[in-house]
Amino acid sequence: MKTSLSRPKHHRSTGRITLNDVAQAAGVSPSTVSRAWRGERAVDPDLVQRVMAVSEKLGYVPDPAARALASQRSDHVTILIPLLTNALFVDLLEAAQRTLRAAGFQTLMGVTHYNASEEEQLLREQMHHRPAGMLITGLDHSLSTQKLMARSNVPCVHLMDLPEELGSTSAAFAEGESITSGPYCVGFRQVDAGEAMTQHLLAQEKKRIVFAAAQLDPRVMQRLQGWRKALKASQKYDPNLEWLNPAPSSLALGGLMFEQIVKQNPAVDAIFFCNDDLAQGALLAAMRLGISVPQRVAIAGFNDLTGSDQMWPPLTTVRTPRAQVGEAAAQMLLQLIHGETPEQAQLDLGFEIVVRQST
């Protein structure tokens, strides 16, 4: 039977078609219309089809601001990541978005470029949308950003870092603020991962192990701590073996750093790069220079990015659970949004040392 739709009368001065108008015309409740537009899987597909058909007929477009004002929360989740050019964060973001979308939430993404001021500004802008929750990379935030998160009362889950690694309570706590998010965190222990890779190189009887790093974000510096810990325990630590460059990571920089290290430190027999971008560049440089890997110098990386297993020789690296972190963090945030308490406030997903022919 064909249903005839009459255009509803408007009681708003703007004449805008409202959610209630669609609900009345479709013969469903306003909440069903809202859930259908959010894409919640629990809504019957036939109802979704009916709601969308009516919406198109009436020319209805959801008003996020009005919805947020009515509920004091939107159906958006804020996600802040440092870079989109890093596959690490792309994998994490895709997993988080997939999980949140299945639950009826959209994502508002911001890229901080490892800049504290930019992160604070992005967070202030996102607060205008009244997000239902936040996923934010790391625990290393400025005092003003920590206060902003604390005062917002918006559920928040931190990605990649665990609080014990940073060694102290947040500055917001020191100022007397109460961070309602716990803090809730999903990640792995960067210090332990750095230590484990260094121990692997020591087990290969390497004696002069360089730690080579770029970008120098807090996670990189935690890996450096792990490297130091392992070398000090074996009485092989030498501060001259730390090669730290604040420039952004790239294959080209990895190749350049490799050339400089082997030229200035001929006794070096292993290099632990803080990420696979640098390590892959180093392997290409070694091939170009005719330097044998791992016979002359072993090379290791971090994150097990795409292509690391296809290098020559294939790269030994630390495999990080970035997609699992994104999914688990999103699931934890959904619990907080729904007023539930996660079983674990800090979820450690671990890491894996992947040994290949480069060591």
Protein backbone atom coordinates (compact mmCIF):
# COMPACT_ATOMS: atom_id res chain seq x y z
CA MET A 1 0.00 0.00 0.00
CA LYS A 2 1.40 3.37 -0.99
CA THR A 3 1.68 5.91 1.80
CA SER A 4 0.90 9.52 1.03
CA LEU A 5 3.02 12.08 2.84
CA SER A 6 1.57 15.47 3.56
CA ARG A 7 4.01 18.23 4.32
CA PRO A 8 3.80 18.97 8.08
CA LYS A 9 2.87 22.30 9.52
CA HIS A 10 5.73 24.13 11.19
CA HIS A 11 5.56 25.83 14.55
CA ARG A 12 9.10 27.17 14.45
CA SER A 13 9.84 30.62 13.13
CA THR A 14 12.53 29.24 10.83
CA GLY A 15 10.14 26.89 9.02
CA ARG A 16 12.85 24.19 9.27
CA ILE A 17 11.77 20.56 9.08
CA THR A 18 12.43 19.01 12.49
CA LEU A 19 13.13 15.54 13.79
CA ASN A 20 9.63 15.48 15.30
CA ASP A 21 8.17 16.24 11.85
CA VAL A 22 9.95 13.21 10.40
CA ALA A 23 8.86 11.01 13.31
CA GLN A 24 5.20 12.03 12.87
CA ALA A 25 5.23 11.46 9.12
CA ALA A 26 7.03 8.11 9.42
CA GLY A 27 4.84 6.89 12.27
CA VAL A 28 7.77 6.27 14.62
CA SER A 29 9.11 7.87 17.77
CA PRO A 30 11.59 10.81 17.64
CA SER A 31 14.20 8.63 19.34
CA THR A 32 13.89 6.06 16.53
CA VAL A 33 14.52 8.78 13.95
CA SER A 34 17.57 9.92 15.89
CA ARG A 35 18.95 6.40 16.23
CA ALA A 36 18.32 5.67 12.55
CA TRP A 37 20.29 8.75 11.51
CA ARG A 38 23.15 7.79 13.85
CA GLY A 39 23.36 4.40 12.13
CA GLU A 40 22.80 2.28 15.23
CA ARG A 41 22.72 -1.36 14.27
CA ALA A 42 19.95 -2.16 16.77
CA VAL A 43 17.40 -0.26 14.66
CA ASP A 44 15.37 -2.47 12.32
CA PRO A 45 16.62 -1.98 8.73
CA ASP A 46 13.04 -1.52 7.49
CA LEU A 47 12.54 1.31 9.98
CA VAL A 48 15.81 2.90 8.89
CA GLN A 49 14.71 2.73 5.27
CA ARG A 50 11.34 4.28 6.13
CA VAL A 51 12.94 7.09 8.16
CA MET A 52 15.40 7.89 5.37
CA ALA A 53 12.68 7.89 2.72
CA VAL A 54 10.55 10.29 4.76
CA SER A 55 13.57 12.46 5.54
CA GLU A 56 14.40 12.76 1.86
CA LYS A 57 10.78 13.50 0.96
CA LEU A 58 10.52 16.27 3.56
CA GLY A 59 14.03 17.60 3.01
CA TYR A 60 15.13 16.92 6.60
CA VAL A 61 18.80 17.34 7.54
CA PRO A 62 19.90 16.66 11.16
CA ASP A 63 21.05 19.68 13.15
CA PRO A 64 24.02 18.52 15.30
CA ALA A 65 24.06 21.70 17.35
CA ALA A 66 20.38 21.45 18.21
CA ARG A 67 20.73 17.78 19.07
CA ALA A 68 23.69 18.51 21.34
CA LEU A 69 21.83 21.34 23.05
CA ALA A 70 18.81 19.16 23.70
CA SER A 71 20.79 16.28 25.17
CA GLN A 72 23.75 18.21 26.61
CA ARG A 73 25.87 15.74 24.62
CA SER A 74 26.27 15.20 20.91
CA ASP A 75 26.68 11.91 19.10
CA HIS A 76 30.24 12.96 18.21
CA VAL A 77 33.48 11.74 19.72
CA THR A 78 36.63 13.84 19.53
CA ILE A 79 39.85 12.09 18.48
CA LEU A 80 43.17 13.93 18.68
CA ILE A 81 46.25 12.37 17.09
CA PRO A 82 49.73 13.82 16.41
CA LEU A 83 50.04 13.04 12.67
CA LEU A 84 48.09 11.57 9.78
CA THR A 85 51.25 10.82 7.79
CA ASN A 86 52.28 8.18 10.33
CA ALA A 87 50.79 4.73 9.63
CA LEU A 88 50.83 4.06 13.37
CA PHE A 89 48.11 6.66 13.99
CA VAL A 90 46.19 5.86 10.79
CA ASP A 91 45.75 2.24 11.89
CA LEU A 92 44.71 3.37 15.36
CA LEU A 93 42.24 5.92 14.00
CA GLU A 94 40.59 3.50 11.57
CA ALA A 95 40.00 0.92 14.31
CA ALA A 96 38.57 3.51 16.70
CA GLN A 97 36.26 5.00 14.05
CA ARG A 98 34.99 1.58 13.02
CA THR A 99 34.11 0.70 16.62
CA LEU A 100 32.47 4.05 17.40
CA ARG A 101 30.46 4.14 14.17
CA ALA A 102 28.99 0.72 14.91
CA ALA A 103 27.71 2.19 18.18
CA GLY A 104 26.11 5.17 16.44
CA PHE A 105 28.83 7.77 17.04
CA GLN A 106 30.58 9.99 14.52
CA THR A 107 34.14 11.24 15.02
CA LEU A 108 35.60 14.72 14.93
CA MET A 109 39.32 14.38 14.30
CA GLY A 110 42.06 16.86 15.12
CA VAL A 111 45.78 16.68 14.26
CA THR A 112 48.06 18.25 16.87
CA HIS A 113 51.41 18.01 15.03
CA TYR A 114 53.07 17.31 18.40
CA ASN A 115 52.37 20.94 19.34
CA ALA A 116 50.99 21.62 22.84
CA SER A 117 49.43 24.96 21.89
CA GLU A 118 47.78 23.47 18.82
CA GLU A 119 46.42 20.60 20.91
CA GLU A 120 44.90 23.02 23.44
CA GLN A 121 43.30 25.13 20.69
CA LEU A 122 41.86 22.04 18.97
CA LEU A 123 40.44 20.83 22.26
CA ARG A 124 38.77 24.19 22.93
CA GLU A 125 37.23 24.15 19.46
CA GLN A 126 35.97 20.60 19.92
CA MET A 127 34.33 21.48 23.24
CA HIS A 128 31.92 23.76 21.37
CA HIS A 129 30.43 20.62 19.81
CA ARG A 130 29.75 19.13 23.26
CA PRO A 131 31.44 15.80 22.41
CA ALA A 132 30.10 12.67 24.05
CA GLY A 133 33.68 11.57 24.70
CA MET A 134 37.33 12.05 23.77
CA LEU A 135 40.17 9.82 22.58
CA ILE A 136 43.49 11.60 22.98
CA THR A 137 46.99 10.34 22.20
CA GLY A 138 49.35 10.19 25.14
CA LEU A 139 49.35 11.60 28.65
CA ASP A 140 51.83 14.39 27.97
CA HIS A 141 49.65 17.49 27.94
CA SER A 142 50.16 21.08 29.02
CA LEU A 143 48.76 22.11 32.38
CA SER A 144 46.08 24.25 30.73
CA THR A 145 45.01 21.33 28.50
CA GLN A 146 44.80 19.00 31.49
CA LYS A 147 42.65 21.54 33.34
CA LEU A 148 40.44 21.94 30.28
CA MET A 149 39.87 18.18 30.10
CA ALA A 150 39.23 17.96 33.83
CA ARG A 151 36.68 20.76 33.95
CA SER A 152 34.80 19.58 30.87
CA ASN A 153 33.57 16.41 32.62
CA VAL A 154 33.70 14.73 29.20
CA PRO A 155 34.72 11.04 29.38
CA CYS A 156 38.25 10.62 28.04
CA VAL A 157 40.50 7.68 27.19
CA HIS A 158 44.21 8.16 26.49
CA LEU A 159 45.89 6.20 23.70
CA MET A 160 49.29 4.46 23.55
CA ASP A 161 50.58 5.53 26.99
CA LEU A 162 50.09 4.11 30.48
CA PRO A 163 50.44 6.45 33.50
CA GLU A 164 53.15 4.48 35.28
CA GLU A 165 55.48 5.22 32.40
CA LEU A 166 55.34 8.94 33.04
CA GLY A 167 56.20 8.43 36.69
CA SER A 168 53.96 10.99 38.37
CA THR A 169 50.46 12.24 38.84
CA SER A 170 49.30 14.77 36.28
CA ALA A 171 49.86 18.46 36.83
CA ALA A 172 46.10 18.97 37.01
CA PHE A 173 46.00 16.83 40.13
CA ALA A 174 48.83 18.87 41.61
CA GLU A 175 46.73 21.99 41.08
CA GLY A 176 43.81 20.41 42.92
CA GLU A 177 41.79 19.46 39.86
CA SER A 178 39.87 16.20 39.71
CA ILE A 179 40.22 14.39 36.39
CA THR A 180 37.06 12.30 36.11
CA SER A 181 38.58 10.17 33.35
CA GLY A 182 40.78 8.26 35.79
CA PRO A 183 42.91 8.63 33.74
CA TYR A 184 41.67 5.80 31.57
CA CYS A 185 44.35 4.53 29.20
CA VAL A 186 44.91 1.82 26.59
CA GLY A 187 48.40 1.10 25.32
CA PHE A 188 51.58 -0.74 26.19
CA ARG A 189 54.74 -0.06 28.17
CA GLN A 190 57.09 1.83 25.89
CA VAL A 191 59.96 1.61 28.39
CA ASP A 192 59.64 -2.16 28.58
CA ALA A 193 59.54 -2.42 24.78
CA GLY A 194 62.73 -0.36 24.44
CA GLU A 195 64.43 -2.46 27.08
CA ALA A 196 63.33 -5.75 25.45
CA MET A 197 64.70 -4.81 22.02
CA THR A 198 68.01 -3.75 23.55
CA GLN A 199 68.20 -7.03 25.45
CA HIS A 200 67.67 -8.87 22.16
CA LEU A 201 70.63 -7.02 20.62
CA LEU A 202 72.76 -7.78 23.68
CA ALA A 203 71.82 -11.45 23.30
CA GLN A 204 73.33 -11.30 19.80
CA GLU A 205 76.60 -10.34 21.54
CA LYS A 206 76.45 -6.74 20.36
CA LYS A 207 78.60 -4.47 22.51
CA ARG A 208 78.28 -0.96 21.03
CA ILE A 209 74.56 -0.39 20.57
CA VAL A 210 73.39 3.04 19.39
CA PHE A 211 69.92 4.41 20.07
CA ALA A 212 69.00 6.63 17.11
CA ALA A 213 65.83 8.72 17.30
CA ALA A 214 63.96 11.58 15.64
CA GLN A 215 60.76 13.50 16.42
CA LEU A 216 61.54 12.96 20.15
CA ASP A 217 57.95 12.79 21.37
CA PRO A 218 57.38 11.34 24.87
CA ARG A 219 56.90 7.78 23.57
CA VAL A 220 60.28 7.93 21.82
CA MET A 221 61.91 9.20 25.01
CA GLN A 222 60.37 6.33 26.96
CA ARG A 223 61.96 3.86 24.51
CA LEU A 224 65.24 5.67 25.13
CA GLN A 225 64.77 5.05 28.86
CA GLY A 226 64.34 1.34 28.17
CA TRP A 227 67.53 1.28 26.06
CA ARG A 228 69.45 3.02 28.84
CA LYS A 229 68.07 0.64 31.45
CA ALA A 230 69.20 -2.46 29.54
CA LEU A 231 72.68 -1.11 28.77
CA LYS A 232 73.27 0.12 32.32
CA ALA A 233 72.28 -3.29 33.66
CA SER A 234 74.88 -4.90 31.35
CA GLN A 235 77.48 -2.18 32.11
CA LYS A 236 77.61 -1.16 28.44
CA TYR A 237 75.93 2.25 28.66
CA ASP A 238 77.73 5.14 26.95
CA PRO A 239 75.94 8.51 26.55
CA ASN A 240 77.89 9.06 23.31
CA LEU A 241 75.80 6.28 21.76
CA GLU A 242 72.63 8.41 21.96
CA TRP A 243 71.81 9.99 18.59
CA LEU A 244 68.83 12.26 19.04
CA ASN A 245 67.45 14.49 16.28
CA PRO A 246 64.30 16.62 16.85
CA ALA A 247 63.49 16.69 13.11
CA PRO A 248 60.47 14.73 11.81
CA SER A 249 61.14 11.07 11.05
CA SER A 250 61.62 9.96 7.44
CA LEU A 251 63.43 7.33 5.40
CA ALA A 252 65.82 10.01 4.17
CA LEU A 253 66.72 11.06 7.71
CA GLY A 254 67.24 7.42 8.69
CA GLY A 255 69.71 6.97 5.85
CA LEU A 256 71.55 10.16 6.77
CA MET A 257 71.77 9.21 10.44
CA PHE A 258 73.07 5.76 9.52
CA GLU A 259 75.84 7.22 7.39
CA GLN A 260 76.86 9.64 10.15
CA ILE A 261 76.85 6.95 12.84
CA VAL A 262 79.00 4.39 11.01
CA LYS A 263 81.40 7.12 9.86
CA GLN A 264 81.89 8.73 13.27
CA ASN A 265 81.61 5.54 15.36
CA PRO A 266 83.31 2.70 13.44
CA ALA A 267 83.13 0.43 16.51
CA VAL A 268 79.33 0.50 16.58
CA ASP A 269 77.94 -2.97 15.89
CA ALA A 270 74.18 -2.36 16.30
CA ILE A 271 71.72 0.51 15.88
CA PHE A 272 68.28 0.54 17.51
CA PHE A 273 66.16 3.09 15.64
CA CYS A 274 63.15 4.53 17.48
CA ASN A 275 60.83 3.71 14.57
CA ASP A 276 60.68 1.74 11.33
CA ASP A 277 60.79 4.82 9.08
CA LEU A 278 64.32 5.56 10.22
CA ALA A 279 65.34 1.89 10.25
CA GLN A 280 64.08 1.29 6.71
CA GLY A 281 66.04 4.31 5.51
CA ALA A 282 69.12 2.95 7.26
CA LEU A 283 68.80 -0.43 5.53
CA LEU A 284 68.56 1.27 2.14
CA ALA A 285 71.64 3.36 2.97
CA ALA A 286 73.56 0.27 4.08
CA MET A 287 72.79 -1.41 0.77
CA ARG A 288 73.89 1.68 -1.14
CA LEU A 289 77.14 1.94 0.85
CA GLY A 290 77.91 -1.78 0.64
CA ILE A 291 77.76 -2.21 4.44
CA SER A 292 76.77 -5.74 5.46
CA VAL A 293 73.73 -6.09 7.76
CA PRO A 294 73.82 -7.66 10.31
CA GLN A 295 77.42 -8.88 9.95
CA ARG A 296 78.99 -5.42 10.15
CA VAL A 297 76.17 -3.68 11.99
CA ALA A 298 72.76 -4.93 13.13
CA ILE A 299 69.70 -2.72 12.60
CA ALA A 300 66.43 -2.79 14.56
CA GLY A 301 63.30 -0.65 14.41
CA PHE A 302 60.01 -0.09 16.20
CA ASN A 303 56.29 -0.46 15.25
CA ASP A 304 56.54 -3.12 12.47
CA LEU A 305 55.17 -0.81 9.80
CA THR A 306 54.14 -1.93 6.31
CA GLY A 307 57.17 -2.89 4.26
CA SER A 308 59.48 -3.73 7.15
CA ASP A 309 59.24 -7.44 6.38
CA GLN A 310 60.01 -6.72 2.70
CA MET A 311 63.27 -4.85 3.29
CA TRP A 312 66.61 -6.51 2.63
CA PRO A 313 67.44 -7.90 4.97
CA PRO A 314 63.96 -8.02 6.57
CA LEU A 315 63.83 -5.70 9.57
CA THR A 316 63.81 -6.84 13.18
CA THR A 317 61.35 -4.61 15.02
CA VAL A 318 58.86 -4.20 17.86
CA ARG A 319 55.34 -5.05 16.76
CA THR A 320 52.88 -2.69 18.44
CA PRO A 321 49.13 -3.41 18.78
CA ARG A 322 47.99 -0.10 17.30
CA ALA A 323 44.72 -1.34 15.75
CA GLN A 324 43.88 -3.22 18.94
CA VAL A 325 44.62 -0.08 20.96
CA GLY A 326 42.19 1.93 18.81
CA GLU A 327 39.42 -0.66 19.12
CA ALA A 328 39.88 -1.28 22.86
CA ALA A 329 40.10 2.44 23.64
CA ALA A 330 36.87 3.10 21.72
CA GLN A 331 35.13 0.27 23.57
CA MET A 332 36.34 1.64 26.90
CA LEU A 333 35.10 5.11 25.97
CA LEU A 334 31.68 3.74 25.05
CA GLN A 335 31.43 2.21 28.51
CA LEU A 336 32.24 5.57 30.10
CA ILE A 337 29.74 7.39 27.87
CA HIS A 338 27.02 4.98 28.99
CA GLY A 339 27.87 5.51 32.65
CA GLU A 340 29.60 2.16 33.10
CA THR A 341 32.91 1.59 34.88
CA PRO A 342 35.53 -0.29 32.82
CA GLU A 343 36.94 -3.39 34.47
CA GLN A 344 40.47 -1.98 34.03
CA ALA A 345 41.30 1.73 34.05
CA GLN A 346 44.70 1.10 32.47
CA LEU A 347 44.70 -1.63 29.83
CA ASP A 348 48.11 -2.96 28.79
CA LEU A 349 47.95 -4.74 25.42
CA GLY A 350 51.64 -5.59 25.34
CA PHE A 351 54.09 -5.77 22.41
CA GLU A 352 56.09 -8.36 20.47
CA ILE A 353 59.75 -8.49 19.47
CA VAL A 354 59.73 -9.66 15.83
CA VAL A 355 63.15 -11.08 15.02
CA ARG A 356 64.15 -11.04 11.34
CA GLN A 357 67.44 -11.17 9.45
CA SER A 358 68.60 -7.58 10.15
CA THR A 359 69.86 -8.62 13.59
